[in-house]
mmCIF file of all heavy atoms, coordinates in Angstrom:
data_MODEL
# 
_entry.id   MODEL 
# 
loop_
_atom_site.group_PDB 
_atom_site.id 
_atom_site.type_symbol 
_atom_site.label_atom_id 
_atom_site.label_alt_id 
_atom_site.label_comp_id 
_atom_site.label_asym_id 
_atom_site.label_entity_id 
_atom_site.label_seq_id 
_atom_site.pdbx_PDB_ins_code 
_atom_site.Cartn_x 
_atom_site.Cartn_y 
_atom_site.Cartn_z 
_atom_site.occupancy 
_atom_site.B_iso_or_equiv 
_atom_site.pdbx_formal_charge 
_atom_site.auth_seq_id 
_atom_site.auth_comp_id 
_atom_site.auth_asym_id 
_atom_site.auth_atom_id 
_atom_site.pdbx_PDB_model_num 
ATOM 1   N N   . VAL A 1 1  ? 18.434 -38.660 1.924   1.00 0.00 ? 1  VAL A N   1 
ATOM 2   C CA  . VAL A 1 1  ? 17.701 -37.485 2.394   1.00 0.00 ? 1  VAL A CA  1 
ATOM 3   C C   . VAL A 1 1  ? 18.520 -36.235 2.101   1.00 0.00 ? 1  VAL A C   1 
ATOM 4   O O   . VAL A 1 1  ? 19.699 -36.158 2.442   1.00 0.00 ? 1  VAL A O   1 
ATOM 5   C CB  . VAL A 1 1  ? 17.411 -37.584 3.907   1.00 0.00 ? 1  VAL A CB  1 
ATOM 6   C CG1 . VAL A 1 1  ? 16.723 -36.318 4.400   1.00 0.00 ? 1  VAL A CG1 1 
ATOM 7   C CG2 . VAL A 1 1  ? 16.558 -38.801 4.202   1.00 0.00 ? 1  VAL A CG2 1 
ATOM 8   N N   . TYR A 1 2  ? 17.901 -35.257 1.444   1.00 0.00 ? 2  TYR A N   1 
ATOM 9   C CA  . TYR A 1 2  ? 18.525 -33.961 1.220   1.00 0.00 ? 2  TYR A CA  1 
ATOM 10  C C   . TYR A 1 2  ? 17.863 -32.864 2.056   1.00 0.00 ? 2  TYR A C   1 
ATOM 11  O O   . TYR A 1 2  ? 18.518 -31.948 2.526   1.00 0.00 ? 2  TYR A O   1 
ATOM 12  C CB  . TYR A 1 2  ? 18.409 -33.562 -0.256  1.00 0.00 ? 2  TYR A CB  1 
ATOM 13  C CG  . TYR A 1 2  ? 19.334 -34.290 -1.184  1.00 0.00 ? 2  TYR A CG  1 
ATOM 14  C CD1 . TYR A 1 2  ? 18.926 -34.649 -2.462  1.00 0.00 ? 2  TYR A CD1 1 
ATOM 15  C CD2 . TYR A 1 2  ? 20.623 -34.613 -0.797  1.00 0.00 ? 2  TYR A CD2 1 
ATOM 16  C CE1 . TYR A 1 2  ? 19.781 -35.305 -3.335  1.00 0.00 ? 2  TYR A CE1 1 
ATOM 17  C CE2 . TYR A 1 2  ? 21.486 -35.267 -1.656  1.00 0.00 ? 2  TYR A CE2 1 
ATOM 18  C CZ  . TYR A 1 2  ? 21.061 -35.612 -2.937  1.00 0.00 ? 2  TYR A CZ  1 
ATOM 19  O OH  . TYR A 1 2  ? 21.906 -36.259 -3.794  1.00 0.00 ? 2  TYR A OH  1 
ATOM 20  N N   . ALA A 1 3  ? 16.548 -32.915 2.192   1.00 0.00 ? 3  ALA A N   1 
ATOM 21  C CA  . ALA A 1 3  ? 15.799 -31.826 2.810   1.00 0.00 ? 3  ALA A CA  1 
ATOM 22  C C   . ALA A 1 3  ? 15.997 -31.817 4.327   1.00 0.00 ? 3  ALA A C   1 
ATOM 23  O O   . ALA A 1 3  ? 16.235 -32.858 4.943   1.00 0.00 ? 3  ALA A O   1 
ATOM 24  C CB  . ALA A 1 3  ? 14.315 -31.957 2.474   1.00 0.00 ? 3  ALA A CB  1 
ATOM 25  N N   . PRO A 1 4  ? 15.891 -30.652 4.957   1.00 0.00 ? 4  PRO A N   1 
ATOM 26  C CA  . PRO A 1 4  ? 16.012 -30.581 6.415   1.00 0.00 ? 4  PRO A CA  1 
ATOM 27  C C   . PRO A 1 4  ? 14.949 -31.418 7.120   1.00 0.00 ? 4  PRO A C   1 
ATOM 28  O O   . PRO A 1 4  ? 13.847 -31.638 6.593   1.00 0.00 ? 4  PRO A O   1 
ATOM 29  C CB  . PRO A 1 4  ? 15.813 -29.094 6.709   1.00 0.00 ? 4  PRO A CB  1 
ATOM 30  C CG  . PRO A 1 4  ? 16.162 -28.402 5.434   1.00 0.00 ? 4  PRO A CG  1 
ATOM 31  C CD  . PRO A 1 4  ? 15.736 -29.331 4.342   1.00 0.00 ? 4  PRO A CD  1 
ATOM 32  N N   . ALA A 1 5  ? 15.281 -31.891 8.320   1.00 0.00 ? 5  ALA A N   1 
ATOM 33  C CA  . ALA A 1 5  ? 14.317 -32.613 9.140   1.00 0.00 ? 5  ALA A CA  1 
ATOM 34  C C   . ALA A 1 5  ? 13.332 -31.630 9.770   1.00 0.00 ? 5  ALA A C   1 
ATOM 35  O O   . ALA A 1 5  ? 13.601 -30.431 9.877   1.00 0.00 ? 5  ALA A O   1 
ATOM 36  C CB  . ALA A 1 5  ? 15.048 -33.395 10.225  1.00 0.00 ? 5  ALA A CB  1 
ATOM 37  N N   . SER A 1 6  ? 12.184 -32.147 10.186  1.00 0.00 ? 6  SER A N   1 
ATOM 38  C CA  . SER A 1 6  ? 11.169 -31.345 10.868  1.00 0.00 ? 6  SER A CA  1 
ATOM 39  C C   . SER A 1 6  ? 10.761 -32.060 12.151  1.00 0.00 ? 6  SER A C   1 
ATOM 40  O O   . SER A 1 6  ? 10.874 -33.281 12.262  1.00 0.00 ? 6  SER A O   1 
ATOM 41  C CB  . SER A 1 6  ? 9.939  -31.137 9.974   1.00 0.00 ? 6  SER A CB  1 
ATOM 42  O OG  . SER A 1 6  ? 10.267 -30.433 8.800   1.00 0.00 ? 6  SER A OG  1 
ATOM 43  N N   . TRP A 1 7  ? 10.243 -31.280 13.107  1.00 0.00 ? 7  TRP A N   1 
ATOM 44  C CA  . TRP A 1 7  ? 9.779  -31.825 14.383  1.00 0.00 ? 7  TRP A CA  1 
ATOM 45  C C   . TRP A 1 7  ? 8.302  -31.550 14.520  1.00 0.00 ? 7  TRP A C   1 
ATOM 46  O O   . TRP A 1 7  ? 7.865  -30.397 14.431  1.00 0.00 ? 7  TRP A O   1 
ATOM 47  C CB  . TRP A 1 7  ? 10.553 -31.208 15.534  1.00 0.00 ? 7  TRP A CB  1 
ATOM 48  C CG  . TRP A 1 7  ? 10.094 -31.587 16.911  1.00 0.00 ? 7  TRP A CG  1 
ATOM 49  C CD1 . TRP A 1 7  ? 9.581  -30.757 17.862  1.00 0.00 ? 7  TRP A CD1 1 
ATOM 50  C CD2 . TRP A 1 7  ? 10.119 -32.894 17.497  1.00 0.00 ? 7  TRP A CD2 1 
ATOM 51  N NE1 . TRP A 1 7  ? 9.288  -31.455 19.004  1.00 0.00 ? 7  TRP A NE1 1 
ATOM 52  C CE2 . TRP A 1 7  ? 9.610  -32.785 18.814  1.00 0.00 ? 7  TRP A CE2 1 
ATOM 53  C CE3 . TRP A 1 7  ? 10.527 -34.156 17.038  1.00 0.00 ? 7  TRP A CE3 1 
ATOM 54  C CZ2 . TRP A 1 7  ? 9.501  -33.878 19.669  1.00 0.00 ? 7  TRP A CZ2 1 
ATOM 55  C CZ3 . TRP A 1 7  ? 10.420 -35.249 17.898  1.00 0.00 ? 7  TRP A CZ3 1 
ATOM 56  C CH2 . TRP A 1 7  ? 9.917  -35.105 19.189  1.00 0.00 ? 7  TRP A CH2 1 
ATOM 57  N N   . SER A 1 8  ? 7.519  -32.610 14.743  1.00 0.00 ? 8  SER A N   1 
ATOM 58  C CA  . SER A 1 8  ? 6.061  -32.473 14.812  1.00 0.00 ? 8  SER A CA  1 
ATOM 59  C C   . SER A 1 8  ? 5.565  -32.174 16.216  1.00 0.00 ? 8  SER A C   1 
ATOM 60  O O   . SER A 1 8  ? 4.385  -31.870 16.401  1.00 0.00 ? 8  SER A O   1 
ATOM 61  C CB  . SER A 1 8  ? 5.397  -33.763 14.315  1.00 0.00 ? 8  SER A CB  1 
ATOM 62  O OG  . SER A 1 8  ? 5.544  -34.799 15.271  1.00 0.00 ? 8  SER A OG  1 
ATOM 63  N N   . GLY A 1 9  ? 6.437  -32.276 17.200  1.00 0.00 ? 9  GLY A N   1 
ATOM 64  C CA  . GLY A 1 9  ? 6.033  -32.196 18.603  1.00 0.00 ? 9  GLY A CA  1 
ATOM 65  C C   . GLY A 1 9  ? 6.178  -33.530 19.279  1.00 0.00 ? 9  GLY A C   1 
ATOM 66  O O   . GLY A 1 9  ? 6.370  -33.602 20.497  1.00 0.00 ? 9  GLY A O   1 
ATOM 67  N N   . THR A 1 10 ? 6.118  -34.622 18.496  1.00 0.00 ? 10 THR A N   1 
ATOM 68  C CA  . THR A 1 10 ? 6.315  -35.969 19.036  1.00 0.00 ? 10 THR A CA  1 
ATOM 69  C C   . THR A 1 10 ? 7.241  -36.814 18.168  1.00 0.00 ? 10 THR A C   1 
ATOM 70  O O   . THR A 1 10 ? 7.810  -37.801 18.642  1.00 0.00 ? 10 THR A O   1 
ATOM 71  C CB  . THR A 1 10 ? 4.971  -36.724 19.161  1.00 0.00 ? 10 THR A CB  1 
ATOM 72  O OG1 . THR A 1 10 ? 4.324  -36.764 17.876  1.00 0.00 ? 10 THR A OG1 1 
ATOM 73  C CG2 . THR A 1 10 ? 4.049  -36.034 20.159  1.00 0.00 ? 10 THR A CG2 1 
ATOM 74  N N   . GLU A 1 11 ? 7.403  -36.448 16.893  1.00 0.00 ? 11 GLU A N   1 
ATOM 75  C CA  . GLU A 1 11 ? 8.198  -37.256 15.974  1.00 0.00 ? 11 GLU A CA  1 
ATOM 76  C C   . GLU A 1 11 ? 9.114  -36.382 15.116  1.00 0.00 ? 11 GLU A C   1 
ATOM 77  O O   . GLU A 1 11 ? 8.766  -35.239 14.784  1.00 0.00 ? 11 GLU A O   1 
ATOM 78  C CB  . GLU A 1 11 ? 7.300  -38.072 15.029  1.00 0.00 ? 11 GLU A CB  1 
ATOM 79  C CG  . GLU A 1 11 ? 6.475  -39.140 15.710  1.00 0.00 ? 11 GLU A CG  1 
ATOM 80  C CD  . GLU A 1 11 ? 5.523  -39.796 14.719  1.00 0.00 ? 11 GLU A CD  1 
ATOM 81  O OE1 . GLU A 1 11 ? 4.751  -39.066 14.061  1.00 0.00 ? 11 GLU A OE1 1 
ATOM 82  O OE2 . GLU A 1 11 ? 5.557  -41.036 14.604  1.00 0.00 ? 11 GLU A OE2 1 
ATOM 83  N N   . VAL A 1 12 ? 10.259 -36.938 14.755  1.00 0.00 ? 12 VAL A N   1 
ATOM 84  C CA  . VAL A 1 12 ? 11.128 -36.349 13.740  1.00 0.00 ? 12 VAL A CA  1 
ATOM 85  C C   . VAL A 1 12 ? 10.641 -36.830 12.377  1.00 0.00 ? 12 VAL A C   1 
ATOM 86  O O   . VAL A 1 12 ? 10.420 -38.029 12.177  1.00 0.00 ? 12 VAL A O   1 
ATOM 87  C CB  . VAL A 1 12 ? 12.594 -36.776 13.954  1.00 0.00 ? 12 VAL A CB  1 
ATOM 88  C CG1 . VAL A 1 12 ? 13.487 -36.197 12.862  1.00 0.00 ? 12 VAL A CG1 1 
ATOM 89  C CG2 . VAL A 1 12 ? 13.075 -36.354 15.330  1.00 0.00 ? 12 VAL A CG2 1 
ATOM 90  N N   . LEU A 1 13 ? 10.450 -35.892 11.442  1.00 0.00 ? 13 LEU A N   1 
ATOM 91  C CA  . LEU A 1 13 ? 9.934  -36.227 10.114  1.00 0.00 ? 13 LEU A CA  1 
ATOM 92  C C   . LEU A 1 13 ? 11.008 -35.941 9.070   1.00 0.00 ? 13 LEU A C   1 
ATOM 93  O O   . LEU A 1 13 ? 11.568 -34.842 9.027   1.00 0.00 ? 13 LEU A O   1 
ATOM 94  C CB  . LEU A 1 13 ? 8.684  -35.406 9.795   1.00 0.00 ? 13 LEU A CB  1 
ATOM 95  C CG  . LEU A 1 13 ? 7.535  -35.477 10.811  1.00 0.00 ? 13 LEU A CG  1 
ATOM 96  C CD1 . LEU A 1 13 ? 6.388  -34.565 10.379  1.00 0.00 ? 13 LEU A CD1 1 
ATOM 97  C CD2 . LEU A 1 13 ? 7.049  -36.916 10.974  1.00 0.00 ? 13 LEU A CD2 1 
ATOM 98  N N   . CYS A 1 14 ? 11.302 -36.938 8.224   1.00 0.00 ? 14 CYS A N   1 
ATOM 99  C CA  . CYS A 1 14 ? 12.247 -36.792 7.124   1.00 0.00 ? 14 CYS A CA  1 
ATOM 100 C C   . CYS A 1 14 ? 11.594 -37.312 5.846   1.00 0.00 ? 14 CYS A C   1 
ATOM 101 O O   . CYS A 1 14 ? 10.770 -38.235 5.891   1.00 0.00 ? 14 CYS A O   1 
ATOM 102 C CB  . CYS A 1 14 ? 13.532 -37.580 7.383   1.00 0.00 ? 14 CYS A CB  1 
ATOM 103 S SG  . CYS A 1 14 ? 14.499 -36.995 8.788   1.00 0.00 ? 14 CYS A SG  1 
ATOM 104 N N   . VAL A 1 15 ? 11.972 -36.729 4.720   1.00 0.00 ? 15 VAL A N   1 
ATOM 105 C CA  . VAL A 1 15 ? 11.455 -37.170 3.423   1.00 0.00 ? 15 VAL A CA  1 
ATOM 106 C C   . VAL A 1 15 ? 12.647 -37.440 2.511   1.00 0.00 ? 15 VAL A C   1 
ATOM 107 O O   . VAL A 1 15 ? 13.555 -36.610 2.394   1.00 0.00 ? 15 VAL A O   1 
ATOM 108 C CB  . VAL A 1 15 ? 10.530 -36.114 2.788   1.00 0.00 ? 15 VAL A CB  1 
ATOM 109 C CG1 . VAL A 1 15 ? 10.101 -36.536 1.392   1.00 0.00 ? 15 VAL A CG1 1 
ATOM 110 C CG2 . VAL A 1 15 ? 9.299  -35.895 3.670   1.00 0.00 ? 15 VAL A CG2 1 
ATOM 111 N N   . GLY A 1 16 ? 12.652 -38.614 1.854   1.00 0.00 ? 16 GLY A N   1 
ATOM 112 C CA  . GLY A 1 16 ? 13.760 -38.973 0.981   1.00 0.00 ? 16 GLY A CA  1 
ATOM 113 C C   . GLY A 1 16 ? 13.351 -39.998 -0.048  1.00 0.00 ? 16 GLY A C   1 
ATOM 114 O O   . GLY A 1 16 ? 12.166 -40.339 -0.202  1.00 0.00 ? 16 GLY A O   1 
ATOM 115 N N   . THR A 1 17 ? 14.355 -40.505 -0.783  1.00 0.00 ? 17 THR A N   1 
ATOM 116 C CA  . THR A 1 17 ? 14.128 -41.484 -1.853  1.00 0.00 ? 17 THR A CA  1 
ATOM 117 C C   . THR A 1 17 ? 15.085 -42.654 -1.674  1.00 0.00 ? 17 THR A C   1 
ATOM 118 O O   . THR A 1 17 ? 15.869 -42.711 -0.724  1.00 0.00 ? 17 THR A O   1 
ATOM 119 C CB  . THR A 1 17 ? 14.351 -40.854 -3.239  1.00 0.00 ? 17 THR A CB  1 
ATOM 120 O OG1 . THR A 1 17 ? 15.755 -40.560 -3.392  1.00 0.00 ? 17 THR A OG1 1 
ATOM 121 C CG2 . THR A 1 17 ? 13.560 -39.564 -3.399  1.00 0.00 ? 17 THR A CG2 1 
ATOM 122 N N   . ASP A 1 18 ? 15.048 -43.570 -2.661  1.00 0.00 ? 18 ASP A N   1 
ATOM 123 C CA  . ASP A 1 18 ? 15.952 -44.717 -2.597  1.00 0.00 ? 18 ASP A CA  1 
ATOM 124 C C   . ASP A 1 18 ? 17.359 -44.395 -3.088  1.00 0.00 ? 18 ASP A C   1 
ATOM 125 O O   . ASP A 1 18 ? 18.249 -45.236 -3.053  1.00 0.00 ? 18 ASP A O   1 
ATOM 126 C CB  . ASP A 1 18 ? 15.382 -45.900 -3.397  1.00 0.00 ? 18 ASP A CB  1 
ATOM 127 C CG  . ASP A 1 18 ? 15.258 -45.597 -4.892  1.00 0.00 ? 18 ASP A CG  1 
ATOM 128 O OD1 . ASP A 1 18 ? 15.696 -44.518 -5.330  1.00 0.00 ? 18 ASP A OD1 1 
ATOM 129 O OD2 . ASP A 1 18 ? 14.712 -46.449 -5.618  1.00 0.00 ? 18 ASP A OD2 1 
ATOM 130 N N   . GLY A 1 19 ? 17.571 -43.159 -3.583  1.00 0.00 ? 19 GLY A N   1 
ATOM 131 C CA  . GLY A 1 19 ? 18.900 -42.752 -3.992  1.00 0.00 ? 19 GLY A CA  1 
ATOM 132 C C   . GLY A 1 19 ? 19.323 -43.221 -5.363  1.00 0.00 ? 19 GLY A C   1 
ATOM 133 O O   . GLY A 1 19 ? 20.488 -43.078 -5.734  1.00 0.00 ? 19 GLY A O   1 
ATOM 134 N N   . SER A 1 20 ? 18.395 -43.739 -6.158  1.00 0.00 ? 20 SER A N   1 
ATOM 135 C CA  . SER A 1 20 ? 18.748 -44.253 -7.484  1.00 0.00 ? 20 SER A CA  1 
ATOM 136 C C   . SER A 1 20 ? 19.022 -43.144 -8.492  1.00 0.00 ? 20 SER A C   1 
ATOM 137 O O   . SER A 1 20 ? 19.630 -43.380 -9.529  1.00 0.00 ? 20 SER A O   1 
ATOM 138 C CB  . SER A 1 20 ? 17.625 -45.143 -8.010  1.00 0.00 ? 20 SER A CB  1 
ATOM 139 O OG  . SER A 1 20 ? 16.447 -44.382 -8.251  1.00 0.00 ? 20 SER A OG  1 
ATOM 140 N N   . GLY A 1 21 ? 18.535 -41.938 -8.220  1.00 0.00 ? 21 GLY A N   1 
ATOM 141 C CA  . GLY A 1 21 ? 18.672 -40.846 -9.166  1.00 0.00 ? 21 GLY A CA  1 
ATOM 142 C C   . GLY A 1 21 ? 17.620 -40.842 -10.249 1.00 0.00 ? 21 GLY A C   1 
ATOM 143 O O   . GLY A 1 21 ? 17.574 -39.936 -11.080 1.00 0.00 ? 21 GLY A O   1 
ATOM 144 N N   . GLN A 1 22 ? 16.756 -41.829 -10.244 1.00 0.00 ? 22 GLN A N   1 
ATOM 145 C CA  . GLN A 1 22 ? 15.682 -41.925 -11.222 1.00 0.00 ? 22 GLN A CA  1 
ATOM 146 C C   . GLN A 1 22 ? 14.388 -41.385 -10.621 1.00 0.00 ? 22 GLN A C   1 
ATOM 147 O O   . GLN A 1 22 ? 14.249 -41.270 -9.405  1.00 0.00 ? 22 GLN A O   1 
ATOM 148 C CB  . GLN A 1 22 ? 15.488 -43.387 -11.645 1.00 0.00 ? 22 GLN A CB  1 
ATOM 149 C CG  . GLN A 1 22 ? 16.738 -44.022 -12.225 1.00 0.00 ? 22 GLN A CG  1 
ATOM 150 C CD  . GLN A 1 22 ? 17.218 -43.293 -13.461 1.00 0.00 ? 22 GLN A CD  1 
ATOM 151 O OE1 . GLN A 1 22 ? 16.425 -42.989 -14.359 1.00 0.00 ? 22 GLN A OE1 1 
ATOM 152 N NE2 . GLN A 1 22 ? 18.509 -43.003 -13.513 1.00 0.00 ? 22 GLN A NE2 1 
ATOM 153 N N   . PRO A 1 23 ? 13.391 -41.040 -11.474 1.00 0.00 ? 23 PRO A N   1 
ATOM 154 C CA  . PRO A 1 23 ? 12.086 -40.654 -10.928 1.00 0.00 ? 23 PRO A CA  1 
ATOM 155 C C   . PRO A 1 23 ? 11.492 -41.790 -10.090 1.00 0.00 ? 23 PRO A C   1 
ATOM 156 O O   . PRO A 1 23 ? 11.247 -42.890 -10.600 1.00 0.00 ? 23 PRO A O   1 
ATOM 157 C CB  . PRO A 1 23 ? 11.251 -40.380 -12.182 1.00 0.00 ? 23 PRO A CB  1 
ATOM 158 C CG  . PRO A 1 23 ? 12.264 -40.024 -13.237 1.00 0.00 ? 23 PRO A CG  1 
ATOM 159 C CD  . PRO A 1 23 ? 13.456 -40.888 -12.938 1.00 0.00 ? 23 PRO A CD  1 
ATOM 160 N N   . VAL A 1 24 ? 11.316 -41.543 -8.824  1.00 0.00 ? 24 VAL A N   1 
ATOM 161 C CA  . VAL A 1 24 ? 10.848 -42.568 -7.891  1.00 0.00 ? 24 VAL A CA  1 
ATOM 162 C C   . VAL A 1 24 ? 9.905  -41.910 -6.885  1.00 0.00 ? 24 VAL A C   1 
ATOM 163 O O   . VAL A 1 24 ? 9.864  -40.688 -6.769  1.00 0.00 ? 24 VAL A O   1 
ATOM 164 C CB  . VAL A 1 24 ? 12.028 -43.217 -7.121  1.00 0.00 ? 24 VAL A CB  1 
ATOM 165 C CG1 . VAL A 1 24 ? 12.886 -44.059 -8.053  1.00 0.00 ? 24 VAL A CG1 1 
ATOM 166 C CG2 . VAL A 1 24 ? 12.875 -42.154 -6.434  1.00 0.00 ? 24 VAL A CG2 1 
ATOM 167 N N   . PRO A 1 25 ? 9.148  -42.718 -6.147  1.00 0.00 ? 25 PRO A N   1 
ATOM 168 C CA  . PRO A 1 25 ? 8.305  -42.128 -5.099  1.00 0.00 ? 25 PRO A CA  1 
ATOM 169 C C   . PRO A 1 25 ? 9.168  -41.550 -3.979  1.00 0.00 ? 25 PRO A C   1 
ATOM 170 O O   . PRO A 1 25 ? 10.252 -42.041 -3.688  1.00 0.00 ? 25 PRO A O   1 
ATOM 171 C CB  . PRO A 1 25 ? 7.484  -43.322 -4.588  1.00 0.00 ? 25 PRO A CB  1 
ATOM 172 C CG  . PRO A 1 25 ? 7.628  -44.389 -5.615  1.00 0.00 ? 25 PRO A CG  1 
ATOM 173 C CD  . PRO A 1 25 ? 8.958  -44.172 -6.260  1.00 0.00 ? 25 PRO A CD  1 
ATOM 174 N N   . HIS A 1 26 ? 8.676  -40.485 -3.356  1.00 0.00 ? 26 HIS A N   1 
ATOM 175 C CA  . HIS A 1 26 ? 9.270  -39.995 -2.127  1.00 0.00 ? 26 HIS A CA  1 
ATOM 176 C C   . HIS A 1 26 ? 8.599  -40.686 -0.941  1.00 0.00 ? 26 HIS A C   1 
ATOM 177 O O   . HIS A 1 26 ? 7.401  -40.986 -0.977  1.00 0.00 ? 26 HIS A O   1 
ATOM 178 C CB  . HIS A 1 26 ? 9.102  -38.477 -2.008  1.00 0.00 ? 26 HIS A CB  1 
ATOM 179 C CG  . HIS A 1 26 ? 10.216 -37.701 -2.624  1.00 0.00 ? 26 HIS A CG  1 
ATOM 180 N ND1 . HIS A 1 26 ? 10.340 -37.548 -3.979  1.00 0.00 ? 26 HIS A ND1 1 
ATOM 181 C CD2 . HIS A 1 26 ? 11.273 -37.049 -2.063  1.00 0.00 ? 26 HIS A CD2 1 
ATOM 182 C CE1 . HIS A 1 26 ? 11.424 -36.815 -4.228  1.00 0.00 ? 26 HIS A CE1 1 
ATOM 183 N NE2 . HIS A 1 26 ? 12.002 -36.499 -3.092  1.00 0.00 ? 26 HIS A NE2 1 
ATOM 184 N N   . THR A 1 27 ? 9.373  -40.919 0.095   1.00 0.00 ? 27 THR A N   1 
ATOM 185 C CA  . THR A 1 27 ? 8.873  -41.582 1.291   1.00 0.00 ? 27 THR A CA  1 
ATOM 186 C C   . THR A 1 27 ? 9.073  -40.680 2.495   1.00 0.00 ? 27 THR A C   1 
ATOM 187 O O   . THR A 1 27 ? 10.158 -40.106 2.680   1.00 0.00 ? 27 THR A O   1 
ATOM 188 C CB  . THR A 1 27 ? 9.605  -42.916 1.526   1.00 0.00 ? 27 THR A CB  1 
ATOM 189 O OG1 . THR A 1 27 ? 9.379  -43.792 0.422   1.00 0.00 ? 27 THR A OG1 1 
ATOM 190 C CG2 . THR A 1 27 ? 9.127  -43.580 2.805   1.00 0.00 ? 27 THR A CG2 1 
ATOM 191 N N   . LEU A 1 28 ? 8.039  -40.524 3.301   1.00 0.00 ? 28 LEU A N   1 
ATOM 192 C CA  . LEU A 1 28 ? 8.149  -39.838 4.577   1.00 0.00 ? 28 LEU A CA  1 
ATOM 193 C C   . LEU A 1 28 ? 8.472  -40.873 5.647   1.00 0.00 ? 28 LEU A C   1 
ATOM 194 O O   . LEU A 1 28 ? 7.842  -41.931 5.716   1.00 0.00 ? 28 LEU A O   1 
ATOM 195 C CB  . LEU A 1 28 ? 6.862  -39.097 4.913   1.00 0.00 ? 28 LEU A CB  1 
ATOM 196 C CG  . LEU A 1 28 ? 6.858  -38.355 6.257   1.00 0.00 ? 28 LEU A CG  1 
ATOM 197 C CD1 . LEU A 1 28 ? 6.116  -37.033 6.130   1.00 0.00 ? 28 LEU A CD1 1 
ATOM 198 C CD2 . LEU A 1 28 ? 6.231  -39.191 7.379   1.00 0.00 ? 28 LEU A CD2 1 
# 
């Protein structure tokens, strides 16, 4: 995870990848 976390009011939301450095899907 590189991007800052966010708060929805009930959940912490993070977006990241598998860290391979290759084009891959992002996961929330």
